[in-house]
Amino acid sequence: MVKLDIVVATMVTAAVLVFAYGMTLINENARYATLCTLGLTMLLAGVALGNVIHGYRVSIRLGTHEWSGISWGLAGVGFVALAQMPALLAGLSIYELSASPVDTVLFLVAQAIAEEAFFANYLYEYFKRTAWTVWHASLSVAIIFTAFHWAVYSQNSLVLLAVFLSRIALNWIYERGGLTASAITHAVVNFVAGVVW
């Protein structure tokens, strides 16, 4: 049984609110509203299917486990930054949306939480139970994660390499600090990228 702590619950709630807000913009920006609808679907599916795979034990206190997850999450930013280095050195933008700068950053952070709920909390956990080793599970999820991003980045193999390596790093971070860690790492990386690029 996996601990669903107050940090993850807060991040999931914030992501739901961001996606709900984005969906209200359907008349102003249909593409953004559609992406928010897909993000919300991924988030809710990841949380629900994660519960089917491993169940949750709810905790509303910030104990050693939660602080460890937060610490791994912040430390993990460096690992994911290294994984994205090929694309960054080539001067390629990984994050492009047709929305205002604030809406773009909000979406990128919420999408990071949704992707971790689905790809780490559900899919990675599922593959860990069915694959030969944790590394087979990690590689399988990284391939699926890269395929998921193919529609956006199919024109650029360096960006796809960065996406693949980022997922490997995020799986490793998830192993050390759980969903709290991988969601924090992914959210911080997306936030910084959304502000910088």
N, C-alpha and C. Protein backbone atom coordinates (compact mmCIF):
# COMPACT_ATOMS: atom_id res chain seq x y z
N MET A 1 0.85 -1.18 0.00
CA MET A 1 0.00 0.00 0.00
C MET A 1 0.89 1.24 0.00
N VAL A 2 0.59 2.19 -0.86
CA VAL A 2 1.38 3.40 -1.02
C VAL A 2 0.77 4.54 -0.21
N LYS A 3 1.63 5.33 0.38
CA LYS A 3 1.15 6.47 1.16
C LYS A 3 0.76 7.60 0.22
N LEU A 4 -0.46 8.08 0.35
CA LEU A 4 -0.93 9.26 -0.38
C LEU A 4 -0.86 10.41 0.62
N ASP A 5 0.23 11.18 0.55
CA ASP A 5 0.47 12.19 1.58
C ASP A 5 -0.15 13.53 1.22
N ILE A 6 -0.08 14.44 2.16
CA ILE A 6 -0.69 15.76 2.03
C ILE A 6 -0.05 16.56 0.88
N VAL A 7 1.22 16.33 0.61
CA VAL A 7 1.90 17.04 -0.47
C VAL A 7 1.31 16.61 -1.82
N VAL A 8 1.19 15.31 -2.04
CA VAL A 8 0.63 14.80 -3.29
C VAL A 8 -0.84 15.22 -3.42
N ALA A 9 -1.60 15.11 -2.32
CA ALA A 9 -3.01 15.50 -2.37
C ALA A 9 -3.15 16.97 -2.74
N THR A 10 -2.29 17.82 -2.21
CA THR A 10 -2.33 19.24 -2.55
C THR A 10 -1.97 19.48 -4.00
N MET A 11 -0.93 18.80 -4.49
CA MET A 11 -0.52 18.96 -5.89
C MET A 11 -1.62 18.47 -6.84
N VAL A 12 -2.24 17.34 -6.53
CA VAL A 12 -3.31 16.81 -7.38
C VAL A 12 -4.50 17.77 -7.39
N THR A 13 -4.86 18.29 -6.23
CA THR A 13 -5.97 19.24 -6.15
C THR A 13 -5.67 20.50 -6.97
N ALA A 14 -4.46 21.02 -6.84
CA ALA A 14 -4.07 22.21 -7.61
C ALA A 14 -4.12 21.92 -9.11
N ALA A 15 -3.65 20.75 -9.51
CA ALA A 15 -3.68 20.39 -10.93
C ALA A 15 -5.11 20.29 -11.45
N VAL A 16 -5.99 19.71 -10.66
CA VAL A 16 -7.41 19.62 -11.05
C VAL A 16 -7.97 21.02 -11.26
N LEU A 17 -7.66 21.95 -10.36
CA LEU A 17 -8.16 23.32 -10.49
C LEU A 17 -7.60 24.01 -11.73
N VAL A 18 -6.32 23.81 -12.01
CA VAL A 18 -5.71 24.42 -13.21
C VAL A 18 -6.37 23.86 -14.46
N PHE A 19 -6.54 22.55 -14.53
CA PHE A 19 -7.17 21.96 -15.70
C PHE A 19 -8.62 22.43 -15.85
N ALA A 20 -9.34 22.51 -14.73
CA ALA A 20 -10.73 22.98 -14.78
C ALA A 20 -10.79 24.42 -15.30
N TYR A 21 -9.89 25.26 -14.81
CA TYR A 21 -9.81 26.64 -15.32
C TYR A 21 -9.52 26.65 -16.82
N GLY A 22 -8.54 25.86 -17.26
CA GLY A 22 -8.17 25.80 -18.67
C GLY A 22 -9.32 25.35 -19.55
N MET A 23 -10.14 24.45 -19.02
CA MET A 23 -11.28 23.95 -19.80
C MET A 23 -12.33 25.04 -20.00
N THR A 24 -12.38 26.02 -19.13
CA THR A 24 -13.34 27.12 -19.29
C THR A 24 -12.95 28.06 -20.42
N LEU A 25 -11.73 27.96 -20.91
CA LEU A 25 -11.24 28.84 -21.97
C LEU A 25 -11.54 28.30 -23.36
N ILE A 26 -12.50 27.40 -23.48
CA ILE A 26 -12.78 26.73 -24.74
C ILE A 26 -13.08 27.72 -25.86
N ASN A 27 -13.75 28.82 -25.57
CA ASN A 27 -14.08 29.80 -26.62
C ASN A 27 -12.88 30.64 -27.03
N GLU A 28 -11.96 30.90 -26.09
CA GLU A 28 -10.79 31.72 -26.39
C GLU A 28 -9.64 30.91 -26.99
N ASN A 29 -9.46 29.68 -26.54
CA ASN A 29 -8.34 28.87 -26.99
C ASN A 29 -8.72 27.39 -26.92
N ALA A 30 -9.32 26.92 -27.99
CA ALA A 30 -9.84 25.55 -28.01
C ALA A 30 -8.73 24.51 -27.83
N ARG A 31 -7.54 24.76 -28.40
CA ARG A 31 -6.42 23.80 -28.28
C ARG A 31 -5.99 23.68 -26.81
N TYR A 32 -5.84 24.80 -26.14
CA TYR A 32 -5.44 24.80 -24.74
C TYR A 32 -6.50 24.10 -23.88
N ALA A 33 -7.79 24.39 -24.14
CA ALA A 33 -8.86 23.76 -23.38
C ALA A 33 -8.87 22.25 -23.60
N THR A 34 -8.59 21.84 -24.83
CA THR A 34 -8.54 20.41 -25.14
C THR A 34 -7.37 19.74 -24.41
N LEU A 35 -6.21 20.39 -24.41
CA LEU A 35 -5.06 19.84 -23.69
C LEU A 35 -5.36 19.74 -22.19
N CYS A 36 -6.08 20.71 -21.64
CA CYS A 36 -6.45 20.66 -20.23
C CYS A 36 -7.42 19.51 -19.95
N THR A 37 -8.34 19.26 -20.88
CA THR A 37 -9.26 18.14 -20.73
C THR A 37 -8.49 16.82 -20.74
N LEU A 38 -7.55 16.69 -21.66
CA LEU A 38 -6.73 15.48 -21.72
C LEU A 38 -5.86 15.33 -20.47
N GLY A 39 -5.30 16.45 -20.00
CA GLY A 39 -4.49 16.42 -18.79
C GLY A 39 -5.29 15.98 -17.57
N LEU A 40 -6.51 16.51 -17.44
CA LEU A 40 -7.36 16.13 -16.31
C LEU A 40 -7.72 14.65 -16.39
N THR A 41 -8.01 14.17 -17.59
CA THR A 41 -8.32 12.75 -17.77
C THR A 41 -7.14 11.89 -17.35
N MET A 42 -5.93 12.28 -17.77
CA MET A 42 -4.72 11.52 -17.41
C MET A 42 -4.50 11.53 -15.90
N LEU A 43 -4.68 12.69 -15.29
CA LEU A 43 -4.50 12.82 -13.84
C LEU A 43 -5.46 11.90 -13.09
N LEU A 44 -6.73 12.01 -13.40
CA LEU A 44 -7.73 11.21 -12.68
C LEU A 44 -7.55 9.72 -12.94
N ALA A 45 -7.20 9.37 -14.19
CA ALA A 45 -6.94 7.95 -14.49
C ALA A 45 -5.73 7.45 -13.72
N GLY A 46 -4.67 8.25 -13.64
CA GLY A 46 -3.48 7.85 -12.91
C GLY A 46 -3.74 7.62 -11.43
N VAL A 47 -4.52 8.52 -10.83
CA VAL A 47 -4.84 8.38 -9.40
C VAL A 47 -5.74 7.17 -9.18
N ALA A 48 -6.78 7.03 -10.02
CA ALA A 48 -7.71 5.91 -9.85
C ALA A 48 -7.05 4.56 -10.12
N LEU A 49 -6.31 4.47 -11.22
CA LEU A 49 -5.65 3.19 -11.56
C LEU A 49 -4.52 2.87 -10.59
N GLY A 50 -3.85 3.90 -10.07
CA GLY A 50 -2.85 3.68 -9.04
C GLY A 50 -3.47 3.03 -7.81
N ASN A 51 -4.67 3.45 -7.48
CA ASN A 51 -5.37 2.85 -6.35
C ASN A 51 -5.69 1.39 -6.62
N VAL A 52 -6.04 1.06 -7.84
CA VAL A 52 -6.32 -0.34 -8.20
C VAL A 52 -5.05 -1.18 -8.10
N ILE A 53 -3.91 -0.62 -8.56
CA ILE A 53 -2.65 -1.36 -8.57
C ILE A 53 -2.09 -1.57 -7.16
N HIS A 54 -2.04 -0.52 -6.37
CA HIS A 54 -1.36 -0.66 -5.08
C HIS A 54 -2.12 -0.11 -3.88
N GLY A 55 -3.25 0.52 -4.07
CA GLY A 55 -4.02 1.05 -2.95
C GLY A 55 -3.31 2.24 -2.31
N TYR A 56 -4.04 2.98 -1.50
CA TYR A 56 -3.47 4.15 -0.84
C TYR A 56 -3.71 4.09 0.66
N ARG A 57 -2.75 4.59 1.36
CA ARG A 57 -2.89 4.83 2.79
C ARG A 57 -2.75 6.34 2.93
N VAL A 58 -3.81 7.02 3.34
CA VAL A 58 -3.83 8.49 3.39
C VAL A 58 -3.14 8.99 4.66
N SER A 59 -2.30 10.00 4.47
CA SER A 59 -1.60 10.62 5.60
C SER A 59 -1.69 12.14 5.44
N ILE A 60 -2.10 12.83 6.50
CA ILE A 60 -2.22 14.28 6.41
C ILE A 60 -1.15 15.01 7.23
N ARG A 61 -0.14 14.30 7.65
CA ARG A 61 0.94 14.97 8.39
C ARG A 61 2.22 14.98 7.56
N LEU A 62 3.07 15.93 7.87
CA LEU A 62 4.36 16.01 7.21
C LEU A 62 5.41 15.37 8.10
N GLY A 63 5.65 14.11 7.86
CA GLY A 63 6.65 13.38 8.64
C GLY A 63 7.93 13.19 7.86
N THR A 64 8.77 12.29 8.37
CA THR A 64 10.05 12.00 7.73
C THR A 64 9.88 11.51 6.30
N HIS A 65 8.89 10.67 6.07
CA HIS A 65 8.64 10.13 4.73
C HIS A 65 8.34 11.27 3.74
N GLU A 66 7.48 12.19 4.15
CA GLU A 66 7.10 13.29 3.27
C GLU A 66 8.29 14.21 2.99
N TRP A 67 9.07 14.52 4.03
CA TRP A 67 10.24 15.38 3.83
C TRP A 67 11.28 14.70 2.96
N SER A 68 11.38 13.39 3.07
CA SER A 68 12.29 12.65 2.20
C SER A 68 11.84 12.78 0.74
N GLY A 69 10.54 12.63 0.51
CA GLY A 69 10.00 12.78 -0.84
C GLY A 69 10.24 14.17 -1.40
N ILE A 70 10.05 15.18 -0.57
CA ILE A 70 10.29 16.56 -0.99
C ILE A 70 11.77 16.76 -1.32
N SER A 71 12.64 16.23 -0.47
CA SER A 71 14.09 16.36 -0.70
C SER A 71 14.50 15.67 -2.00
N TRP A 72 14.04 14.44 -2.21
CA TRP A 72 14.36 13.73 -3.45
C TRP A 72 13.79 14.47 -4.65
N GLY A 73 12.61 15.05 -4.48
CA GLY A 73 11.99 15.80 -5.56
C GLY A 73 12.83 16.99 -5.99
N LEU A 74 13.35 17.72 -5.01
CA LEU A 74 14.17 18.89 -5.33
C LEU A 74 15.53 18.47 -5.88
N ALA A 75 16.11 17.42 -5.31
CA ALA A 75 17.39 16.93 -5.81
C ALA A 75 17.25 16.36 -7.22
N GLY A 76 16.10 15.79 -7.50
CA GLY A 76 15.86 15.19 -8.79
C GLY A 76 15.85 16.17 -9.94
N VAL A 77 15.61 17.44 -9.66
CA VAL A 77 15.60 18.46 -10.71
C VAL A 77 16.91 18.43 -11.49
N GLY A 78 18.02 18.27 -10.78
CA GLY A 78 19.33 18.21 -11.43
C GLY A 78 19.47 17.01 -12.36
N PHE A 79 18.92 15.85 -11.93
CA PHE A 79 18.99 14.65 -12.76
C PHE A 79 18.20 14.83 -14.06
N VAL A 80 17.02 15.41 -13.94
CA VAL A 80 16.20 15.61 -15.14
C VAL A 80 16.81 16.69 -16.03
N ALA A 81 17.40 17.71 -15.42
CA ALA A 81 18.09 18.74 -16.22
C ALA A 81 19.23 18.11 -17.02
N LEU A 82 19.96 17.19 -16.40
CA LEU A 82 21.01 16.47 -17.13
C LEU A 82 20.43 15.64 -18.26
N ALA A 83 19.30 15.01 -18.01
CA ALA A 83 18.68 14.18 -19.04
C ALA A 83 18.22 15.03 -20.23
N GLN A 84 17.88 16.28 -19.98
CA GLN A 84 17.41 17.14 -21.06
C GLN A 84 18.54 17.92 -21.73
N MET A 85 19.75 17.70 -21.29
CA MET A 85 20.91 18.43 -21.80
C MET A 85 21.09 18.34 -23.33
N PRO A 86 20.90 17.17 -23.96
CA PRO A 86 21.09 17.14 -25.42
C PRO A 86 20.22 18.16 -26.15
N ALA A 87 18.97 18.25 -25.78
CA ALA A 87 18.07 19.21 -26.43
C ALA A 87 18.42 20.64 -26.06
N LEU A 88 18.77 20.86 -24.81
CA LEU A 88 19.10 22.22 -24.37
C LEU A 88 20.37 22.73 -25.04
N LEU A 89 21.37 21.87 -25.17
CA LEU A 89 22.62 22.27 -25.83
C LEU A 89 22.39 22.59 -27.31
N ALA A 90 21.41 21.94 -27.90
CA ALA A 90 21.10 22.21 -29.30
C ALA A 90 20.22 23.44 -29.45
N GLY A 91 19.84 24.05 -28.31
CA GLY A 91 19.01 25.25 -28.35
C GLY A 91 17.57 24.98 -28.71
N LEU A 92 17.10 23.76 -28.45
CA LEU A 92 15.74 23.39 -28.82
C LEU A 92 14.79 23.64 -27.66
N SER A 93 13.60 24.09 -27.98
CA SER A 93 12.57 24.29 -26.98
C SER A 93 11.77 23.01 -26.83
N ILE A 94 11.64 22.55 -25.62
CA ILE A 94 10.86 21.35 -25.37
C ILE A 94 9.41 21.72 -25.10
N TYR A 95 9.17 22.93 -24.65
CA TYR A 95 7.84 23.33 -24.21
C TYR A 95 7.30 24.47 -25.06
N GLU A 96 6.28 24.16 -25.87
CA GLU A 96 5.65 25.18 -26.69
C GLU A 96 4.13 25.02 -26.60
N LEU A 97 3.44 26.10 -26.23
CA LEU A 97 1.98 26.09 -26.19
C LEU A 97 1.48 27.40 -26.79
N SER A 98 0.30 27.35 -27.33
CA SER A 98 -0.29 28.58 -27.86
C SER A 98 -1.22 29.17 -26.81
N ALA A 99 -0.65 29.62 -25.70
CA ALA A 99 -1.42 30.21 -24.61
C ALA A 99 -0.61 31.35 -24.02
N SER A 100 -1.24 32.10 -23.13
CA SER A 100 -0.52 33.19 -22.47
C SER A 100 0.61 32.61 -21.63
N PRO A 101 1.62 33.42 -21.31
CA PRO A 101 2.73 32.89 -20.50
C PRO A 101 2.28 32.30 -19.16
N VAL A 102 1.33 32.94 -18.50
CA VAL A 102 0.86 32.43 -17.21
C VAL A 102 0.11 31.11 -17.40
N ASP A 103 -0.78 31.07 -18.40
CA ASP A 103 -1.52 29.84 -18.67
C ASP A 103 -0.58 28.70 -19.08
N THR A 104 0.46 29.03 -19.83
CA THR A 104 1.44 28.02 -20.24
C THR A 104 2.13 27.42 -19.03
N VAL A 105 2.60 28.26 -18.10
CA VAL A 105 3.28 27.77 -16.91
C VAL A 105 2.32 26.95 -16.04
N LEU A 106 1.11 27.44 -15.86
CA LEU A 106 0.12 26.69 -15.06
C LEU A 106 -0.13 25.31 -15.68
N PHE A 107 -0.30 25.28 -16.99
CA PHE A 107 -0.55 24.00 -17.66
C PHE A 107 0.65 23.06 -17.51
N LEU A 108 1.85 23.57 -17.74
CA LEU A 108 3.04 22.72 -17.67
C LEU A 108 3.21 22.09 -16.29
N VAL A 109 2.93 22.86 -15.24
CA VAL A 109 3.05 22.32 -13.88
C VAL A 109 1.95 21.29 -13.62
N ALA A 110 0.71 21.62 -14.00
CA ALA A 110 -0.39 20.67 -13.80
C ALA A 110 -0.17 19.40 -14.63
N GLN A 111 0.33 19.55 -15.86
CA GLN A 111 0.57 18.40 -16.72
C GLN A 111 1.68 17.51 -16.14
N ALA A 112 2.67 18.12 -15.53
CA ALA A 112 3.73 17.33 -14.89
C ALA A 112 3.15 16.44 -13.80
N ILE A 113 2.26 16.99 -13.01
CA ILE A 113 1.63 16.21 -11.93
C ILE A 113 0.76 15.10 -12.52
N ALA A 114 0.02 15.42 -13.58
CA ALA A 114 -0.82 14.41 -14.24
C ALA A 114 0.04 13.29 -14.82
N GLU A 115 1.13 13.66 -15.48
CA GLU A 115 2.00 12.63 -16.08
C GLU A 115 2.62 11.74 -15.01
N GLU A 116 3.00 12.32 -13.88
CA GLU A 116 3.57 11.48 -12.81
C GLU A 116 2.50 10.58 -12.20
N ALA A 117 1.28 11.09 -12.05
CA ALA A 117 0.20 10.25 -11.52
C ALA A 117 -0.04 9.06 -12.44
N PHE A 118 0.01 9.30 -13.75
CA PHE A 118 -0.26 8.22 -14.70
C PHE A 118 0.96 7.35 -14.96
N PHE A 119 2.08 7.98 -15.35
CA PHE A 119 3.24 7.20 -15.79
C PHE A 119 4.02 6.58 -14.63
N ALA A 120 4.12 7.25 -13.50
CA ALA A 120 4.86 6.69 -12.36
C ALA A 120 3.93 5.93 -11.42
N ASN A 121 2.89 6.61 -10.94
CA ASN A 121 2.01 6.04 -9.93
C ASN A 121 1.24 4.83 -10.44
N TYR A 122 0.85 4.86 -11.71
CA TYR A 122 0.12 3.72 -12.26
C TYR A 122 1.00 2.83 -13.16
N LEU A 123 1.44 3.35 -14.29
CA LEU A 123 2.09 2.52 -15.30
C LEU A 123 3.40 1.90 -14.82
N TYR A 124 4.24 2.70 -14.18
CA TYR A 124 5.51 2.18 -13.69
C TYR A 124 5.26 1.12 -12.61
N GLU A 125 4.34 1.41 -11.71
CA GLU A 125 4.01 0.43 -10.66
C GLU A 125 3.48 -0.87 -11.28
N TYR A 126 2.65 -0.74 -12.31
CA TYR A 126 2.12 -1.92 -12.98
C TYR A 126 3.25 -2.73 -13.62
N PHE A 127 4.13 -2.05 -14.36
CA PHE A 127 5.22 -2.76 -15.02
C PHE A 127 6.21 -3.34 -14.02
N LYS A 128 6.40 -2.71 -12.88
CA LYS A 128 7.29 -3.29 -11.86
C LYS A 128 6.77 -4.65 -11.40
N ARG A 129 5.48 -4.80 -11.40
CA ARG A 129 4.88 -6.06 -10.95
C ARG A 129 4.88 -7.13 -12.03
N THR A 130 4.98 -6.69 -13.31
CA THR A 130 4.88 -7.66 -14.40
C THR A 130 6.17 -7.84 -15.20
N ALA A 131 7.12 -6.93 -15.07
CA ALA A 131 8.37 -7.01 -15.83
C ALA A 131 9.38 -7.88 -15.09
N TRP A 132 10.45 -8.25 -15.80
CA TRP A 132 11.50 -9.06 -15.17
C TRP A 132 12.21 -8.32 -14.05
N THR A 133 12.57 -7.07 -14.33
CA THR A 133 13.29 -6.27 -13.34
C THR A 133 12.73 -4.85 -13.31
N VAL A 134 13.18 -4.08 -12.34
CA VAL A 134 12.79 -2.68 -12.25
C VAL A 134 13.29 -1.92 -13.48
N TRP A 135 14.48 -2.29 -13.97
CA TRP A 135 15.01 -1.60 -15.15
C TRP A 135 14.19 -1.89 -16.39
N HIS A 136 13.68 -3.12 -16.53
CA HIS A 136 12.78 -3.42 -17.65
C HIS A 136 11.52 -2.56 -17.53
N ALA A 137 11.01 -2.44 -16.32
CA ALA A 137 9.83 -1.60 -16.10
C ALA A 137 10.13 -0.15 -16.46
N SER A 138 11.27 0.33 -16.02
CA SER A 138 11.64 1.72 -16.29
C SER A 138 11.80 1.99 -17.79
N LEU A 139 12.47 1.09 -18.48
CA LEU A 139 12.64 1.23 -19.93
C LEU A 139 11.31 1.16 -20.66
N SER A 140 10.45 0.25 -20.24
CA SER A 140 9.13 0.12 -20.88
C SER A 140 8.32 1.40 -20.73
N VAL A 141 8.30 1.95 -19.53
CA VAL A 141 7.55 3.18 -19.30
C VAL A 141 8.19 4.35 -20.05
N ALA A 142 9.51 4.39 -20.11
CA ALA A 142 10.18 5.47 -20.84
C ALA A 142 9.85 5.41 -22.33
N ILE A 143 9.75 4.22 -22.87
CA ILE A 143 9.37 4.08 -24.29
C ILE A 143 7.94 4.56 -24.51
N ILE A 144 7.04 4.17 -23.63
CA ILE A 144 5.64 4.59 -23.76
C ILE A 144 5.53 6.11 -23.56
N PHE A 145 6.26 6.65 -22.60
CA PHE A 145 6.27 8.09 -22.33
C PHE A 145 6.77 8.85 -23.56
N THR A 146 7.81 8.34 -24.18
CA THR A 146 8.35 8.98 -25.39
C THR A 146 7.33 8.89 -26.53
N ALA A 147 6.69 7.75 -26.67
CA ALA A 147 5.65 7.60 -27.71
C ALA A 147 4.50 8.58 -27.46
N PHE A 148 4.16 8.79 -26.20
CA PHE A 148 3.11 9.74 -25.83
C PHE A 148 3.48 11.15 -26.29
N HIS A 149 4.75 11.50 -26.22
CA HIS A 149 5.22 12.83 -26.62
C HIS A 149 5.56 12.92 -28.11
N TRP A 150 5.50 11.79 -28.82
CA TRP A 150 5.88 11.74 -30.23
C TRP A 150 5.05 12.73 -31.07
N ALA A 151 3.78 12.83 -30.81
CA ALA A 151 2.91 13.69 -31.62
C ALA A 151 3.38 15.14 -31.61
N VAL A 152 3.92 15.57 -30.49
CA VAL A 152 4.38 16.96 -30.37
C VAL A 152 5.80 17.13 -30.89
N TYR A 153 6.65 16.16 -30.64
CA TYR A 153 8.08 16.32 -30.92
C TYR A 153 8.63 15.39 -32.00
N SER A 154 7.77 14.82 -32.82
CA SER A 154 8.23 13.84 -33.80
C SER A 154 9.24 14.42 -34.79
N GLN A 155 9.27 15.73 -34.92
CA GLN A 155 10.20 16.37 -35.85
C GLN A 155 11.62 16.44 -35.31
N ASN A 156 11.79 16.17 -34.02
CA ASN A 156 13.10 16.39 -33.44
C ASN A 156 13.55 15.23 -32.55
N SER A 157 14.48 14.46 -33.02
CA SER A 157 14.93 13.28 -32.29
C SER A 157 15.69 13.64 -31.01
N LEU A 158 16.36 14.79 -30.97
CA LEU A 158 17.06 15.19 -29.73
C LEU A 158 16.07 15.48 -28.61
N VAL A 159 14.96 16.10 -28.94
CA VAL A 159 13.93 16.35 -27.92
C VAL A 159 13.35 15.03 -27.45
N LEU A 160 13.11 14.12 -28.36
CA LEU A 160 12.59 12.80 -27.96
C LEU A 160 13.59 12.05 -27.09
N LEU A 161 14.88 12.17 -27.39
CA LEU A 161 15.91 11.58 -26.54
C LEU A 161 15.86 12.19 -25.14
N ALA A 162 15.70 13.51 -25.07
CA ALA A 162 15.61 14.19 -23.78
C ALA A 162 14.38 13.72 -23.01
N VAL A 163 13.27 13.54 -23.69
CA VAL A 163 12.04 13.04 -23.06
C VAL A 163 12.27 11.63 -22.52
N PHE A 164 12.89 10.76 -23.32
CA PHE A 164 13.17 9.38 -22.90
C PHE A 164 14.07 9.36 -21.67
N LEU A 165 15.17 10.10 -21.72
CA LEU A 165 16.11 10.13 -20.58
C LEU A 165 15.49 10.76 -19.34
N SER A 166 14.63 11.76 -19.55
CA SER A 166 13.93 12.39 -18.42
C SER A 166 13.04 11.39 -17.72
N ARG A 167 12.34 10.55 -18.49
CA ARG A 167 11.45 9.55 -17.88
C ARG A 167 12.26 8.53 -17.08
N ILE A 168 13.42 8.12 -17.60
CA ILE A 168 14.29 7.20 -16.85
C ILE A 168 14.67 7.85 -15.52
N ALA A 169 15.08 9.11 -15.57
CA ALA A 169 15.47 9.83 -14.35
C ALA A 169 14.28 9.96 -13.40
N LEU A 170 13.10 10.28 -13.93
CA LEU A 170 11.91 10.43 -13.09
C LEU A 170 11.52 9.10 -12.45
N ASN A 171 11.67 8.00 -13.17
CA ASN A 171 11.39 6.69 -12.57
C ASN A 171 12.35 6.40 -11.43
N TRP A 172 13.61 6.75 -11.61
CA TRP A 172 14.61 6.54 -10.57
C TRP A 172 14.28 7.39 -9.34
N ILE A 173 13.86 8.62 -9.57
CA ILE A 173 13.48 9.51 -8.47
C ILE A 173 12.23 8.96 -7.77
N TYR A 174 11.27 8.46 -8.55
CA TYR A 174 10.06 7.87 -7.99
C TYR A 174 10.42 6.70 -7.07
N GLU A 175 11.39 5.89 -7.48
CA GLU A 175 11.83 4.76 -6.66
C GLU A 175 12.36 5.22 -5.31
N ARG A 176 13.00 6.36 -5.26
CA ARG A 176 13.62 6.84 -4.03
C ARG A 176 12.68 7.63 -3.14
N GLY A 177 11.77 8.41 -3.73
CA GLY A 177 10.93 9.28 -2.91
C GLY A 177 9.45 9.23 -3.21
N GLY A 178 9.04 8.28 -4.04
CA GLY A 178 7.62 8.11 -4.33
C GLY A 178 7.06 9.19 -5.24
N LEU A 179 5.74 9.22 -5.29
CA LEU A 179 5.04 10.16 -6.16
C LEU A 179 5.33 11.61 -5.76
N THR A 180 5.50 11.86 -4.48
CA THR A 180 5.85 13.22 -4.04
C THR A 180 7.11 13.68 -4.74
N ALA A 181 8.14 12.86 -4.74
CA ALA A 181 9.43 13.24 -5.31
C ALA A 181 9.34 13.44 -6.82
N SER A 182 8.78 12.46 -7.54
CA SER A 182 8.76 12.59 -9.00
C SER A 182 7.85 13.72 -9.45
N ALA A 183 6.74 13.94 -8.74
CA ALA A 183 5.84 15.04 -9.11
C ALA A 183 6.48 16.40 -8.85
N ILE A 184 7.19 16.53 -7.74
CA ILE A 184 7.89 17.79 -7.46
C ILE A 184 8.97 18.04 -8.51
N THR A 185 9.76 17.02 -8.79
CA THR A 185 10.82 17.17 -9.79
C THR A 185 10.24 17.60 -11.13
N HIS A 186 9.26 16.87 -11.61
CA HIS A 186 8.67 17.15 -12.91
C HIS A 186 8.02 18.54 -12.93
N ALA A 187 7.32 18.89 -11.85
CA ALA A 187 6.66 20.21 -11.79
C ALA A 187 7.67 21.34 -11.78
N VAL A 188 8.75 21.20 -11.02
CA VAL A 188 9.77 22.25 -10.97
C VAL A 188 10.46 22.39 -12.33
N VAL A 189 10.81 21.27 -12.96
CA VAL A 189 11.45 21.34 -14.28
C VAL A 189 10.51 22.01 -15.28
N ASN A 190 9.24 21.62 -15.31
CA ASN A 190 8.30 22.24 -16.23
C ASN A 190 8.08 23.71 -15.92
N PHE A 191 8.03 24.05 -14.63
CA PHE A 191 7.86 25.46 -14.24
C PHE A 191 9.03 26.31 -14.74
N VAL A 192 10.25 25.85 -14.46
CA VAL A 192 11.43 26.59 -14.89
C VAL A 192 11.46 26.70 -16.42
N ALA A 193 11.18 25.59 -17.09
CA ALA A 193 11.19 25.62 -18.56
C ALA A 193 10.11 26.55 -19.10
N GLY A 194 8.96 26.55 -18.46
CA GLY A 194 7.88 27.43 -18.91
C GLY A 194 8.21 28.90 -18.72
N VAL A 195 8.95 29.23 -17.66
CA VAL A 195 9.31 30.62 -17.39
C VAL A 195 10.48 31.04 -18.28
N VAL A 196 11.47 30.16 -18.45
CA VAL A 196 12.69 30.49 -19.20
C VAL A 196 12.44 30.46 -20.70
N TRP A 197 11.75 29.41 -21.18
CA TRP A 197 11.56 29.27 -22.63
C TRP A 197 10.23 29.85 -23.00
